[in-house]
């Protein structure tokens, strides 16, 4: 009898595939999302600075200051909503809200359990040493600049394939959606770990589907 994999509880990444989806809106979402891209540029700059402050706070107190934790969680939530709307999934046509707060009725949701204590030893090495194997994997998922050229990652390519299929069939392939969710879930788990928001090492596996394993799907 096969033992099911342990549930990874610190980070919960969920999505609900909207139906129906526009057959052609995906062609212009890169334009519609520009205001979010501009805001996220500054938010991610702040995320890095906040993480530096949190690093020293954890090193001396073993605690991640709650206000800083909530801000960085908000940045990850905002990023996930924009990614879900645009070329990280193309799974909703509902425009992402401009907020760091949780939006319970938005199709894409993210939550991270606030840690009461964090290891002083791990904070010194996990973001640059322990996370390296994950960086290699998610680099393939996300793509980036290579040799002066920009390469699309696997997630974007799969989302565009799903969009083309949607354009000709009016349906978003469910199996493809589950795979895209699994890839995004992996990326966000690593982001939380590298951002010092949890000491639980992310698993090397694809937990596919719109809901986290071991949870009840949202209605």
N, C-alpha and C. Protein backbone atom coordinates (compact mmCIF):
# COMPACT_ATOMS: atom_id res chain seq x y z
N UNK A 1 0.84 -1.20 0.00
CA UNK A 1 0.00 0.00 0.00
C UNK A 1 0.88 1.25 0.00
N UNK A 2 0.62 2.17 -0.92
CA UNK A 2 1.43 3.37 -1.06
C UNK A 2 1.04 4.40 -0.01
N UNK A 3 2.04 4.93 0.69
CA UNK A 3 1.78 5.97 1.68
C UNK A 3 1.66 7.31 1.00
N UNK A 4 0.56 8.05 1.23
CA UNK A 4 0.42 9.36 0.59
C UNK A 4 1.47 10.34 1.11
N UNK A 5 1.93 11.27 0.27
CA UNK A 5 2.94 12.22 0.72
C UNK A 5 2.41 13.11 1.84
N UNK A 6 3.30 13.52 2.72
CA UNK A 6 2.91 14.39 3.82
C UNK A 6 2.41 15.73 3.27
N UNK A 7 1.40 16.26 3.92
CA UNK A 7 0.84 17.55 3.51
C UNK A 7 1.79 18.65 3.94
N UNK A 8 2.10 19.57 3.04
CA UNK A 8 2.95 20.71 3.36
C UNK A 8 2.03 21.84 3.84
N UNK A 9 2.05 22.12 5.13
CA UNK A 9 1.04 23.00 5.72
C UNK A 9 1.40 24.48 5.83
N UNK A 10 2.69 24.86 5.88
CA UNK A 10 2.97 26.28 6.12
C UNK A 10 2.43 27.22 5.03
N UNK A 11 2.42 26.75 3.78
CA UNK A 11 2.01 27.61 2.66
C UNK A 11 0.82 26.97 1.95
N UNK A 12 -0.25 27.73 1.82
CA UNK A 12 -1.46 27.24 1.14
C UNK A 12 -1.69 28.08 -0.12
N UNK A 13 -1.63 27.43 -1.25
CA UNK A 13 -1.85 28.10 -2.54
C UNK A 13 -3.09 27.47 -3.18
N UNK A 14 -4.09 28.29 -3.45
CA UNK A 14 -5.33 27.76 -4.00
C UNK A 14 -5.78 28.59 -5.20
N UNK A 15 -6.51 27.94 -6.07
CA UNK A 15 -7.07 28.62 -7.24
C UNK A 15 -8.38 27.99 -7.64
N UNK A 16 -9.24 28.77 -8.23
CA UNK A 16 -10.51 28.28 -8.74
C UNK A 16 -10.60 28.69 -10.21
N UNK A 17 -10.69 27.71 -11.07
CA UNK A 17 -10.75 27.99 -12.51
C UNK A 17 -12.09 28.61 -12.86
N UNK A 18 -12.04 29.84 -13.38
CA UNK A 18 -13.28 30.53 -13.74
C UNK A 18 -13.88 29.95 -15.02
N UNK A 19 -15.16 29.86 -15.06
CA UNK A 19 -15.87 29.46 -16.27
C UNK A 19 -17.14 30.31 -16.38
N UNK A 20 -17.46 30.81 -17.57
CA UNK A 20 -16.63 30.69 -18.77
C UNK A 20 -15.52 31.74 -18.78
N UNK A 21 -14.49 31.48 -19.56
CA UNK A 21 -13.41 32.44 -19.76
C UNK A 21 -13.51 33.01 -21.17
N UNK A 22 -13.12 34.27 -21.31
CA UNK A 22 -13.09 34.90 -22.63
C UNK A 22 -12.11 34.17 -23.53
N UNK A 23 -12.49 33.98 -24.77
CA UNK A 23 -11.62 33.27 -25.71
C UNK A 23 -10.46 34.12 -26.20
N UNK A 24 -10.58 35.44 -26.08
CA UNK A 24 -9.55 36.30 -26.68
C UNK A 24 -8.97 37.35 -25.74
N UNK A 25 -9.51 37.51 -24.55
CA UNK A 25 -9.00 38.52 -23.62
C UNK A 25 -7.53 38.30 -23.28
N UNK A 26 -7.11 37.05 -23.29
CA UNK A 26 -5.72 36.74 -22.93
C UNK A 26 -4.70 37.42 -23.83
N UNK A 27 -5.15 37.80 -25.04
CA UNK A 27 -4.23 38.45 -25.98
C UNK A 27 -3.80 39.84 -25.51
N UNK A 28 -4.62 40.49 -24.68
CA UNK A 28 -4.31 41.87 -24.26
C UNK A 28 -4.07 41.99 -22.76
N UNK A 29 -4.06 40.88 -22.06
CA UNK A 29 -3.87 40.96 -20.61
C UNK A 29 -2.51 41.54 -20.24
N UNK A 30 -1.52 41.37 -21.11
CA UNK A 30 -0.21 41.94 -20.81
C UNK A 30 -0.29 43.46 -20.76
N UNK A 31 -1.22 44.05 -21.50
CA UNK A 31 -1.42 45.51 -21.45
C UNK A 31 -2.22 45.88 -20.20
N UNK A 32 -3.29 45.13 -19.96
CA UNK A 32 -4.17 45.43 -18.83
C UNK A 32 -3.44 45.30 -17.49
N UNK A 33 -2.45 44.42 -17.45
CA UNK A 33 -1.74 44.18 -16.18
C UNK A 33 -0.58 45.13 -15.95
N UNK A 34 -0.29 46.03 -16.88
CA UNK A 34 0.86 46.94 -16.73
C UNK A 34 0.80 47.74 -15.44
N UNK A 35 -0.35 48.32 -15.06
CA UNK A 35 -0.37 49.05 -13.77
C UNK A 35 0.07 48.17 -12.59
N UNK A 36 -0.32 46.91 -12.61
CA UNK A 36 0.10 46.00 -11.54
C UNK A 36 1.60 45.73 -11.61
N UNK A 37 2.13 45.56 -12.80
CA UNK A 37 3.57 45.31 -12.94
C UNK A 37 4.38 46.48 -12.36
N UNK A 38 3.91 47.70 -12.59
CA UNK A 38 4.61 48.88 -12.08
C UNK A 38 4.59 48.88 -10.55
N UNK A 39 3.41 48.65 -9.98
CA UNK A 39 3.29 48.63 -8.52
C UNK A 39 4.12 47.50 -7.93
N UNK A 40 4.08 46.32 -8.57
CA UNK A 40 4.81 45.18 -8.04
C UNK A 40 6.33 45.39 -8.07
N UNK A 41 6.80 46.17 -9.02
CA UNK A 41 8.23 46.48 -9.04
C UNK A 41 8.65 47.14 -7.74
N UNK A 42 7.86 48.12 -7.28
CA UNK A 42 8.19 48.81 -6.03
C UNK A 42 7.90 47.93 -4.82
N UNK A 43 6.85 47.13 -4.90
CA UNK A 43 6.54 46.24 -3.79
C UNK A 43 7.63 45.20 -3.58
N UNK A 44 8.19 44.68 -4.67
CA UNK A 44 9.24 43.68 -4.52
C UNK A 44 10.56 44.29 -4.05
N UNK A 45 10.78 45.56 -4.38
CA UNK A 45 11.92 46.26 -3.81
C UNK A 45 11.75 46.36 -2.30
N UNK A 46 10.53 46.72 -1.87
CA UNK A 46 10.23 46.79 -0.44
C UNK A 46 10.31 45.40 0.20
N UNK A 47 9.87 44.37 -0.51
CA UNK A 47 9.92 43.00 0.00
C UNK A 47 11.36 42.63 0.35
N UNK A 48 12.29 42.97 -0.52
CA UNK A 48 13.70 42.66 -0.28
C UNK A 48 14.21 43.39 0.96
N UNK A 49 13.88 44.68 1.06
CA UNK A 49 14.35 45.47 2.20
C UNK A 49 13.75 44.97 3.51
N UNK A 50 12.45 44.64 3.47
CA UNK A 50 11.79 44.11 4.66
C UNK A 50 12.41 42.77 5.06
N UNK A 51 12.77 41.96 4.08
CA UNK A 51 13.38 40.66 4.37
C UNK A 51 14.74 40.83 5.04
N UNK A 52 15.47 41.87 4.66
CA UNK A 52 16.76 42.14 5.30
C UNK A 52 16.55 42.49 6.77
N UNK A 53 15.56 43.34 7.02
CA UNK A 53 15.26 43.71 8.42
C UNK A 53 14.81 42.47 9.20
N UNK A 54 13.95 41.66 8.57
CA UNK A 54 13.46 40.45 9.22
C UNK A 54 14.61 39.48 9.51
N UNK A 55 15.59 39.42 8.61
CA UNK A 55 16.76 38.56 8.82
C UNK A 55 17.43 38.85 10.16
N UNK A 56 17.68 40.13 10.43
CA UNK A 56 18.35 40.49 11.67
C UNK A 56 17.43 40.31 12.87
N UNK A 57 16.15 40.55 12.66
CA UNK A 57 15.20 40.34 13.76
C UNK A 57 15.16 38.87 14.17
N UNK A 58 15.14 37.98 13.18
CA UNK A 58 15.13 36.54 13.47
C UNK A 58 16.45 36.12 14.10
N UNK A 59 17.54 36.67 13.61
CA UNK A 59 18.87 36.30 14.11
C UNK A 59 19.01 36.63 15.60
N UNK A 60 18.41 37.74 16.03
CA UNK A 60 18.58 38.16 17.42
C UNK A 60 17.41 37.78 18.32
N UNK A 61 16.22 37.59 17.75
CA UNK A 61 15.04 37.35 18.60
C UNK A 61 14.32 36.05 18.28
N UNK A 62 14.69 35.39 17.20
CA UNK A 62 14.01 34.17 16.72
C UNK A 62 12.56 34.43 16.31
N UNK A 63 12.25 35.67 16.04
CA UNK A 63 10.89 36.01 15.64
C UNK A 63 10.90 36.87 14.38
N UNK A 64 9.91 36.64 13.54
CA UNK A 64 9.69 37.48 12.36
C UNK A 64 8.64 38.51 12.77
N UNK A 65 9.00 39.80 12.86
CA UNK A 65 8.03 40.80 13.30
C UNK A 65 6.72 40.70 12.52
N UNK A 66 5.62 40.64 13.25
CA UNK A 66 4.34 40.33 12.62
C UNK A 66 3.95 41.34 11.53
N UNK A 67 4.19 42.62 11.76
CA UNK A 67 3.84 43.62 10.77
C UNK A 67 4.63 43.43 9.48
N UNK A 68 5.91 43.08 9.61
CA UNK A 68 6.74 42.84 8.43
C UNK A 68 6.30 41.56 7.71
N UNK A 69 5.97 40.55 8.50
CA UNK A 69 5.48 39.29 7.92
C UNK A 69 4.21 39.53 7.12
N UNK A 70 3.28 40.28 7.68
CA UNK A 70 2.02 40.54 7.00
C UNK A 70 2.23 41.34 5.71
N UNK A 71 3.19 42.27 5.73
CA UNK A 71 3.47 43.03 4.51
C UNK A 71 4.01 42.12 3.42
N UNK A 72 5.00 41.29 3.73
CA UNK A 72 5.58 40.42 2.71
C UNK A 72 4.57 39.37 2.24
N UNK A 73 3.73 38.90 3.14
CA UNK A 73 2.65 38.00 2.73
C UNK A 73 1.72 38.71 1.75
N UNK A 74 1.43 39.98 2.01
CA UNK A 74 0.60 40.75 1.10
C UNK A 74 1.22 40.90 -0.28
N UNK A 75 2.54 41.08 -0.32
CA UNK A 75 3.23 41.19 -1.62
C UNK A 75 3.10 39.87 -2.39
N UNK A 76 3.28 38.75 -1.70
CA UNK A 76 3.14 37.45 -2.36
C UNK A 76 1.71 37.22 -2.82
N UNK A 77 0.73 37.63 -2.02
CA UNK A 77 -0.67 37.49 -2.42
C UNK A 77 -0.96 38.31 -3.68
N UNK A 78 -0.50 39.54 -3.67
CA UNK A 78 -0.72 40.43 -4.82
C UNK A 78 -0.08 39.81 -6.06
N UNK A 79 1.14 39.34 -5.91
CA UNK A 79 1.85 38.73 -7.03
C UNK A 79 1.10 37.52 -7.57
N UNK A 80 0.61 36.68 -6.68
CA UNK A 80 -0.10 35.47 -7.08
C UNK A 80 -1.39 35.81 -7.82
N UNK A 81 -2.12 36.81 -7.35
CA UNK A 81 -3.37 37.20 -8.03
C UNK A 81 -3.08 37.71 -9.44
N UNK A 82 -2.05 38.55 -9.57
CA UNK A 82 -1.70 39.07 -10.89
C UNK A 82 -1.21 37.96 -11.81
N UNK A 83 -0.41 37.06 -11.28
CA UNK A 83 0.08 35.93 -12.07
C UNK A 83 -1.09 35.05 -12.52
N UNK A 84 -2.03 34.81 -11.64
CA UNK A 84 -3.18 33.96 -11.96
C UNK A 84 -4.04 34.59 -13.06
N UNK A 85 -4.16 35.91 -13.00
CA UNK A 85 -4.93 36.63 -14.02
C UNK A 85 -4.19 36.67 -15.35
N UNK A 86 -2.88 36.85 -15.28
CA UNK A 86 -2.09 37.04 -16.50
C UNK A 86 -1.40 35.74 -16.90
N UNK A 87 -0.15 35.79 -17.25
CA UNK A 87 0.47 34.67 -17.95
C UNK A 87 1.12 33.64 -17.03
N UNK A 88 0.77 33.70 -15.74
CA UNK A 88 1.16 32.63 -14.85
C UNK A 88 0.13 31.53 -14.77
N UNK A 89 -1.07 31.82 -15.33
CA UNK A 89 -2.13 30.80 -15.35
C UNK A 89 -3.21 31.13 -16.38
N UNK A 90 -3.56 32.43 -16.52
CA UNK A 90 -4.65 32.84 -17.42
C UNK A 90 -5.95 32.11 -17.06
N UNK A 91 -6.17 31.95 -15.74
CA UNK A 91 -7.29 31.12 -15.28
C UNK A 91 -8.47 31.92 -14.77
N UNK A 92 -8.40 33.26 -14.86
CA UNK A 92 -9.54 34.09 -14.50
C UNK A 92 -9.51 35.35 -15.35
N UNK A 93 -10.69 35.90 -15.59
CA UNK A 93 -10.80 37.18 -16.28
C UNK A 93 -11.14 38.30 -15.31
N UNK A 94 -11.23 37.97 -14.05
CA UNK A 94 -11.54 38.98 -13.03
C UNK A 94 -10.28 39.77 -12.71
N UNK A 95 -10.35 41.08 -12.90
CA UNK A 95 -9.16 41.92 -12.73
C UNK A 95 -8.71 41.91 -11.27
N UNK A 96 -7.39 41.74 -11.03
CA UNK A 96 -6.90 41.66 -9.65
C UNK A 96 -7.09 42.98 -8.91
N UNK A 97 -7.45 42.91 -7.64
CA UNK A 97 -7.59 44.13 -6.84
C UNK A 97 -6.23 44.69 -6.45
N UNK A 98 -6.17 45.99 -6.25
CA UNK A 98 -4.93 46.65 -5.82
C UNK A 98 -4.90 46.67 -4.29
N UNK A 99 -4.53 45.56 -3.71
CA UNK A 99 -4.50 45.49 -2.25
C UNK A 99 -3.54 44.39 -1.80
N UNK A 100 -2.95 44.62 -0.63
CA UNK A 100 -2.10 43.62 0.00
C UNK A 100 -2.92 42.64 0.83
N UNK A 101 -4.16 42.98 1.10
CA UNK A 101 -5.00 42.18 1.98
C UNK A 101 -5.50 40.92 1.29
N UNK A 102 -5.92 39.97 2.09
CA UNK A 102 -6.58 38.78 1.55
C UNK A 102 -7.93 39.18 0.97
N UNK A 103 -8.25 38.62 -0.20
CA UNK A 103 -9.54 38.85 -0.84
C UNK A 103 -10.23 37.50 -0.95
N UNK A 104 -11.08 37.15 0.01
CA UNK A 104 -11.60 35.78 0.10
C UNK A 104 -12.35 35.29 -1.14
N UNK A 105 -12.99 36.21 -1.86
CA UNK A 105 -13.78 35.75 -3.00
C UNK A 105 -13.03 35.83 -4.33
N UNK A 106 -11.72 36.18 -4.29
CA UNK A 106 -10.96 36.19 -5.53
C UNK A 106 -10.55 34.76 -5.87
N UNK A 107 -10.52 34.39 -7.17
CA UNK A 107 -10.24 33.00 -7.54
C UNK A 107 -8.88 32.47 -7.11
N UNK A 108 -7.90 33.35 -6.92
CA UNK A 108 -6.56 32.92 -6.50
C UNK A 108 -6.30 33.39 -5.07
N UNK A 109 -5.91 32.44 -4.21
CA UNK A 109 -5.68 32.78 -2.81
C UNK A 109 -4.36 32.17 -2.32
N UNK A 110 -3.76 32.89 -1.37
CA UNK A 110 -2.49 32.45 -0.78
C UNK A 110 -2.50 32.77 0.70
N UNK A 111 -2.04 31.82 1.50
CA UNK A 111 -1.91 32.07 2.93
C UNK A 111 -0.64 31.37 3.43
N UNK A 112 0.02 31.99 4.38
CA UNK A 112 1.22 31.42 5.00
C UNK A 112 1.03 31.48 6.50
N UNK A 113 1.25 30.37 7.17
CA UNK A 113 1.09 30.30 8.62
C UNK A 113 2.18 31.13 9.29
N UNK A 114 1.77 32.02 10.18
CA UNK A 114 2.76 32.84 10.89
C UNK A 114 3.53 31.98 11.88
N UNK A 115 4.86 31.95 11.79
CA UNK A 115 5.66 31.12 12.70
C UNK A 115 5.92 31.84 14.02
N UNK A 116 5.67 31.16 15.12
CA UNK A 116 5.93 31.76 16.43
C UNK A 116 7.43 31.85 16.72
N UNK A 117 8.19 30.89 16.21
CA UNK A 117 9.64 30.90 16.38
C UNK A 117 10.30 30.45 15.09
N UNK A 118 11.46 31.03 14.79
CA UNK A 118 12.25 30.64 13.63
C UNK A 118 13.68 30.40 14.07
N UNK A 119 14.36 29.48 13.39
CA UNK A 119 15.71 29.10 13.78
C UNK A 119 16.73 30.17 13.42
N UNK A 120 17.56 30.51 14.39
CA UNK A 120 18.65 31.46 14.12
C UNK A 120 19.68 30.86 13.18
N UNK A 121 19.93 29.57 13.34
CA UNK A 121 20.92 28.92 12.47
C UNK A 121 20.45 28.84 11.04
N UNK A 122 19.20 28.45 10.84
CA UNK A 122 18.68 28.30 9.48
C UNK A 122 18.61 29.63 8.74
N UNK A 123 18.34 30.70 9.45
CA UNK A 123 18.20 31.98 8.77
C UNK A 123 19.49 32.41 8.10
N UNK A 124 20.61 31.84 8.57
CA UNK A 124 21.91 32.19 7.99
C UNK A 124 22.18 31.49 6.67
N UNK A 125 21.51 30.37 6.44
CA UNK A 125 21.89 29.55 5.28
C UNK A 125 20.75 29.16 4.35
N UNK A 126 19.50 29.21 4.82
CA UNK A 126 18.46 28.59 4.00
C UNK A 126 18.19 29.34 2.70
N UNK A 127 18.27 30.68 2.71
CA UNK A 127 17.88 31.45 1.53
C UNK A 127 18.94 31.42 0.43
N UNK A 128 20.20 31.16 0.79
CA UNK A 128 21.25 31.17 -0.25
C UNK A 128 21.88 29.79 -0.46
N UNK A 129 21.77 28.89 0.53
CA UNK A 129 22.40 27.59 0.40
C UNK A 129 21.37 26.47 0.23
N UNK A 130 20.52 26.29 1.21
CA UNK A 130 19.56 25.18 1.16
C UNK A 130 18.56 25.31 0.02
N UNK A 131 18.27 26.55 -0.37
CA UNK A 131 17.26 26.76 -1.41
C UNK A 131 17.82 26.64 -2.83
N UNK A 132 19.14 26.47 -2.98
CA UNK A 132 19.74 26.44 -4.31
C UNK A 132 19.14 25.35 -5.22
N UNK A 133 18.95 24.11 -4.74
CA UNK A 133 18.33 23.11 -5.62
C UNK A 133 16.95 23.54 -6.12
N UNK A 134 16.19 24.21 -5.26
CA UNK A 134 14.88 24.69 -5.68
C UNK A 134 15.01 25.84 -6.70
N UNK A 135 15.98 26.70 -6.51
CA UNK A 135 16.19 27.79 -7.47
C UNK A 135 16.42 27.24 -8.87
N UNK A 136 17.18 26.17 -8.95
CA UNK A 136 17.46 25.58 -10.27
C UNK A 136 16.17 25.07 -10.91
N UNK A 137 15.34 24.42 -10.10
CA UNK A 137 14.09 23.86 -10.62
C UNK A 137 13.13 24.97 -11.04
N UNK A 138 12.88 25.93 -10.15
CA UNK A 138 11.88 26.95 -10.47
C UNK A 138 12.40 27.94 -11.52
N UNK A 139 13.72 28.00 -11.69
CA UNK A 139 14.25 28.81 -12.79
C UNK A 139 13.77 28.27 -14.13
N UNK A 140 13.69 26.95 -14.23
CA UNK A 140 13.14 26.32 -15.43
C UNK A 140 11.65 26.60 -15.56
N UNK A 141 10.95 26.63 -14.44
CA UNK A 141 9.52 26.92 -14.45
C UNK A 141 9.23 28.35 -14.90
N UNK A 142 10.07 29.28 -14.45
CA UNK A 142 9.75 30.70 -14.61
C UNK A 142 10.46 31.36 -15.79
N UNK A 143 11.59 30.81 -16.24
CA UNK A 143 12.33 31.44 -17.33
C UNK A 143 13.06 32.67 -16.84
N UNK A 144 13.54 33.47 -17.79
CA UNK A 144 14.25 34.69 -17.43
C UNK A 144 15.25 35.06 -18.50
N UNK A 145 16.11 35.99 -18.15
CA UNK A 145 17.11 36.48 -19.11
C UNK A 145 18.28 35.50 -19.17
N UNK A 146 18.63 35.09 -20.37
CA UNK A 146 19.74 34.17 -20.56
C UNK A 146 20.55 34.63 -21.78
N UNK A 147 21.80 35.02 -21.52
CA UNK A 147 22.67 35.44 -22.61
C UNK A 147 22.15 36.63 -23.40
N UNK A 148 21.46 37.54 -22.68
CA UNK A 148 20.95 38.73 -23.35
C UNK A 148 19.59 38.53 -23.98
N UNK A 149 19.05 37.30 -23.94
CA UNK A 149 17.74 37.03 -24.50
C UNK A 149 16.78 36.66 -23.39
N UNK A 150 15.50 36.96 -23.62
CA UNK A 150 14.49 36.61 -22.62
C UNK A 150 13.81 35.32 -23.03
N UNK A 151 13.81 34.34 -22.13
CA UNK A 151 13.19 33.06 -22.43
C UNK A 151 11.96 32.87 -21.55
N UNK A 152 10.88 32.42 -22.15
CA UNK A 152 9.66 32.15 -21.40
C UNK A 152 9.84 30.85 -20.62
N UNK A 153 9.36 30.85 -19.39
CA UNK A 153 9.44 29.65 -18.58
C UNK A 153 8.34 28.67 -18.91
N UNK A 154 8.44 27.50 -18.30
CA UNK A 154 7.47 26.44 -18.57
C UNK A 154 6.06 26.87 -18.19
N UNK A 155 5.91 27.59 -17.08
CA UNK A 155 4.58 28.01 -16.65
C UNK A 155 3.91 28.88 -17.71
N UNK A 156 4.64 29.88 -18.19
CA UNK A 156 4.08 30.78 -19.20
C UNK A 156 3.74 30.03 -20.48
N UNK A 157 4.62 29.14 -20.90
CA UNK A 157 4.37 28.37 -22.13
C UNK A 157 3.10 27.53 -21.99
N UNK A 158 2.95 26.86 -20.85
CA UNK A 158 1.77 26.02 -20.65
C UNK A 158 0.50 26.86 -20.57
N UNK A 159 0.59 28.03 -19.94
CA UNK A 159 -0.58 28.91 -19.86
C UNK A 159 -1.00 29.39 -21.25
N UNK A 160 -0.02 29.70 -22.10
CA UNK A 160 -0.34 30.14 -23.45
C UNK A 160 -0.93 29.00 -24.29
N UNK A 161 -0.42 27.79 -24.09
CA UNK A 161 -1.01 26.63 -24.78
C UNK A 161 -2.46 26.45 -24.36
N UNK A 162 -2.72 26.59 -23.05
CA UNK A 162 -4.09 26.47 -22.56
C UNK A 162 -4.98 27.56 -23.16
N UNK A 163 -4.43 28.77 -23.32
CA UNK A 163 -5.20 29.88 -23.88
C UNK A 163 -5.54 29.63 -25.35
N UNK A 164 -4.60 29.10 -26.10
CA UNK A 164 -4.86 28.79 -27.51
C UNK A 164 -5.94 27.71 -27.63
N UNK A 165 -5.85 26.70 -26.78
CA UNK A 165 -6.89 25.66 -26.79
C UNK A 165 -8.23 26.26 -26.42
N UNK A 166 -8.22 27.17 -25.43
CA UNK A 166 -9.45 27.86 -25.03
C UNK A 166 -10.04 28.65 -26.20
N UNK A 167 -9.17 29.30 -26.97
CA UNK A 167 -9.65 30.12 -28.08
C UNK A 167 -10.39 29.31 -29.14
N UNK A 168 -9.99 28.06 -29.32
CA UNK A 168 -10.59 27.25 -30.37
C UNK A 168 -11.65 26.27 -29.86
N UNK A 169 -11.67 26.02 -28.56
CA UNK A 169 -12.64 25.04 -28.03
C UNK A 169 -13.58 25.63 -26.99
N UNK A 170 -13.29 26.86 -26.53
CA UNK A 170 -14.03 27.55 -25.46
C UNK A 170 -13.82 26.90 -24.09
N UNK A 171 -12.91 25.94 -23.99
CA UNK A 171 -12.67 25.26 -22.72
C UNK A 171 -11.19 25.29 -22.36
N UNK A 172 -10.93 25.56 -21.09
CA UNK A 172 -9.57 25.52 -20.55
C UNK A 172 -9.29 24.08 -20.12
N UNK A 173 -8.28 23.42 -20.68
CA UNK A 173 -8.01 22.00 -20.35
C UNK A 173 -7.76 21.81 -18.86
N UNK A 174 -8.56 20.98 -18.22
CA UNK A 174 -8.48 20.82 -16.78
C UNK A 174 -7.15 20.19 -16.36
N UNK A 175 -6.67 19.21 -17.07
CA UNK A 175 -5.40 18.57 -16.71
C UNK A 175 -4.24 19.56 -16.78
N UNK A 176 -4.30 20.42 -17.79
CA UNK A 176 -3.26 21.44 -17.95
C UNK A 176 -3.34 22.45 -16.81
N UNK A 177 -4.55 22.80 -16.43
CA UNK A 177 -4.74 23.73 -15.30
C UNK A 177 -4.14 23.14 -14.02
N UNK A 178 -4.41 21.88 -13.76
CA UNK A 178 -3.89 21.24 -12.55
C UNK A 178 -2.37 21.26 -12.53
N UNK A 179 -1.74 21.02 -13.69
CA UNK A 179 -0.29 21.04 -13.78
C UNK A 179 0.25 22.46 -13.54
N UNK A 180 -0.38 23.45 -14.15
CA UNK A 180 0.05 24.84 -13.96
C UNK A 180 -0.06 25.24 -12.50
N UNK A 181 -1.13 24.81 -11.84
CA UNK A 181 -1.28 25.11 -10.42
C UNK A 181 -0.16 24.46 -9.61
N UNK A 182 0.19 23.23 -9.95
CA UNK A 182 1.28 22.56 -9.23
C UNK A 182 2.60 23.28 -9.38
N UNK A 183 2.89 23.77 -10.57
CA UNK A 183 4.14 24.50 -10.81
C UNK A 183 4.15 25.81 -10.03
N UNK A 184 3.04 26.54 -10.07
CA UNK A 184 2.96 27.79 -9.32
C UNK A 184 3.05 27.56 -7.81
N UNK A 185 2.44 26.48 -7.35
CA UNK A 185 2.49 26.15 -5.92
C UNK A 185 3.94 25.91 -5.49
N UNK A 186 4.69 25.22 -6.32
CA UNK A 186 6.12 24.97 -6.02
C UNK A 186 6.87 26.30 -5.91
N UNK A 187 6.65 27.19 -6.87
CA UNK A 187 7.34 28.48 -6.88
C UNK A 187 7.00 29.29 -5.62
N UNK A 188 5.74 29.33 -5.25
CA UNK A 188 5.33 30.15 -4.10
C UNK A 188 5.83 29.56 -2.79
N UNK A 189 5.88 28.24 -2.70
CA UNK A 189 6.44 27.62 -1.49
C UNK A 189 7.91 28.00 -1.32
N UNK A 190 8.65 27.96 -2.41
CA UNK A 190 10.07 28.31 -2.35
C UNK A 190 10.23 29.80 -2.03
N UNK A 191 9.35 30.63 -2.58
CA UNK A 191 9.41 32.07 -2.31
C UNK A 191 9.22 32.34 -0.82
N UNK A 192 8.29 31.63 -0.20
CA UNK A 192 8.06 31.81 1.23
C UNK A 192 9.26 31.33 2.04
N UNK A 193 9.85 30.21 1.65
CA UNK A 193 11.00 29.67 2.37
C UNK A 193 12.21 30.59 2.21
N UNK A 194 12.49 31.00 1.00
CA UNK A 194 13.64 31.88 0.75
C UNK A 194 13.41 33.26 1.34
N UNK A 195 12.14 33.65 1.49
CA UNK A 195 11.81 34.93 2.11
C UNK A 195 11.83 34.86 3.63
N UNK A 196 12.31 33.75 4.19
CA UNK A 196 12.49 33.55 5.63
C UNK A 196 11.18 33.45 6.39
N UNK A 197 10.09 33.15 5.70
CA UNK A 197 8.77 33.15 6.33
C UNK A 197 8.39 31.80 6.92
N UNK A 198 9.19 30.79 6.69
CA UNK A 198 8.97 29.48 7.29
C UNK A 198 10.30 28.72 7.32
N UNK A 199 10.42 27.81 8.28
CA UNK A 199 11.60 26.95 8.36
C UNK A 199 11.34 25.58 7.74
N UNK A 200 10.12 25.30 7.35
CA UNK A 200 9.76 24.00 6.78
C UNK A 200 10.24 23.94 5.33
N UNK A 201 11.14 23.00 5.06
CA UNK A 201 11.73 22.91 3.72
C UNK A 201 10.67 22.48 2.71
N UNK A 202 10.57 23.17 1.57
CA UNK A 202 9.56 22.81 0.56
C UNK A 202 9.84 21.44 -0.04
N UNK A 203 8.81 20.66 -0.28
CA UNK A 203 9.02 19.33 -0.86
C UNK A 203 9.34 19.42 -2.35
N UNK A 204 10.09 18.45 -2.85
CA UNK A 204 10.40 18.36 -4.27
C UNK A 204 9.31 17.52 -4.95
N UNK A 205 8.15 18.11 -5.13
CA UNK A 205 7.07 17.38 -5.78
C UNK A 205 6.04 18.37 -6.31
N UNK A 206 5.27 17.90 -7.27
CA UNK A 206 4.16 18.68 -7.83
C UNK A 206 2.87 18.29 -7.11
N UNK A 207 2.38 19.18 -6.28
CA UNK A 207 1.06 18.98 -5.68
C UNK A 207 0.06 19.71 -6.60
N UNK A 208 -0.46 18.98 -7.54
CA UNK A 208 -1.26 19.59 -8.59
C UNK A 208 -2.71 19.81 -8.14
N UNK A 209 -3.41 20.64 -8.88
CA UNK A 209 -4.82 20.90 -8.61
C UNK A 209 -5.04 22.25 -7.97
N UNK A 210 -6.30 22.67 -7.96
CA UNK A 210 -6.65 23.99 -7.45
C UNK A 210 -6.57 24.12 -5.95
N UNK A 211 -6.68 23.02 -5.22
CA UNK A 211 -6.63 23.07 -3.77
C UNK A 211 -5.42 22.33 -3.25
N UNK A 212 -4.98 22.73 -2.06
CA UNK A 212 -3.86 22.04 -1.41
C UNK A 212 -4.27 20.61 -1.06
N UNK A 213 -3.35 19.65 -1.17
CA UNK A 213 -3.65 18.29 -0.77
C UNK A 213 -4.11 18.22 0.69
N UNK A 214 -5.13 17.42 0.93
CA UNK A 214 -5.62 17.26 2.29
C UNK A 214 -6.62 18.29 2.72
N UNK A 215 -7.05 19.17 1.78
CA UNK A 215 -8.04 20.18 2.13
C UNK A 215 -9.29 19.97 1.29
N UNK A 216 -10.38 20.56 1.75
CA UNK A 216 -11.65 20.46 1.03
C UNK A 216 -11.70 21.54 -0.03
N UNK A 217 -11.99 21.19 -1.29
CA UNK A 217 -12.04 22.20 -2.35
C UNK A 217 -13.07 23.28 -2.06
N UNK A 218 -12.76 24.49 -2.48
CA UNK A 218 -13.72 25.59 -2.31
C UNK A 218 -14.89 25.41 -3.26
N UNK A 219 -16.05 25.83 -2.80
CA UNK A 219 -17.25 25.76 -3.66
C UNK A 219 -17.12 26.79 -4.76
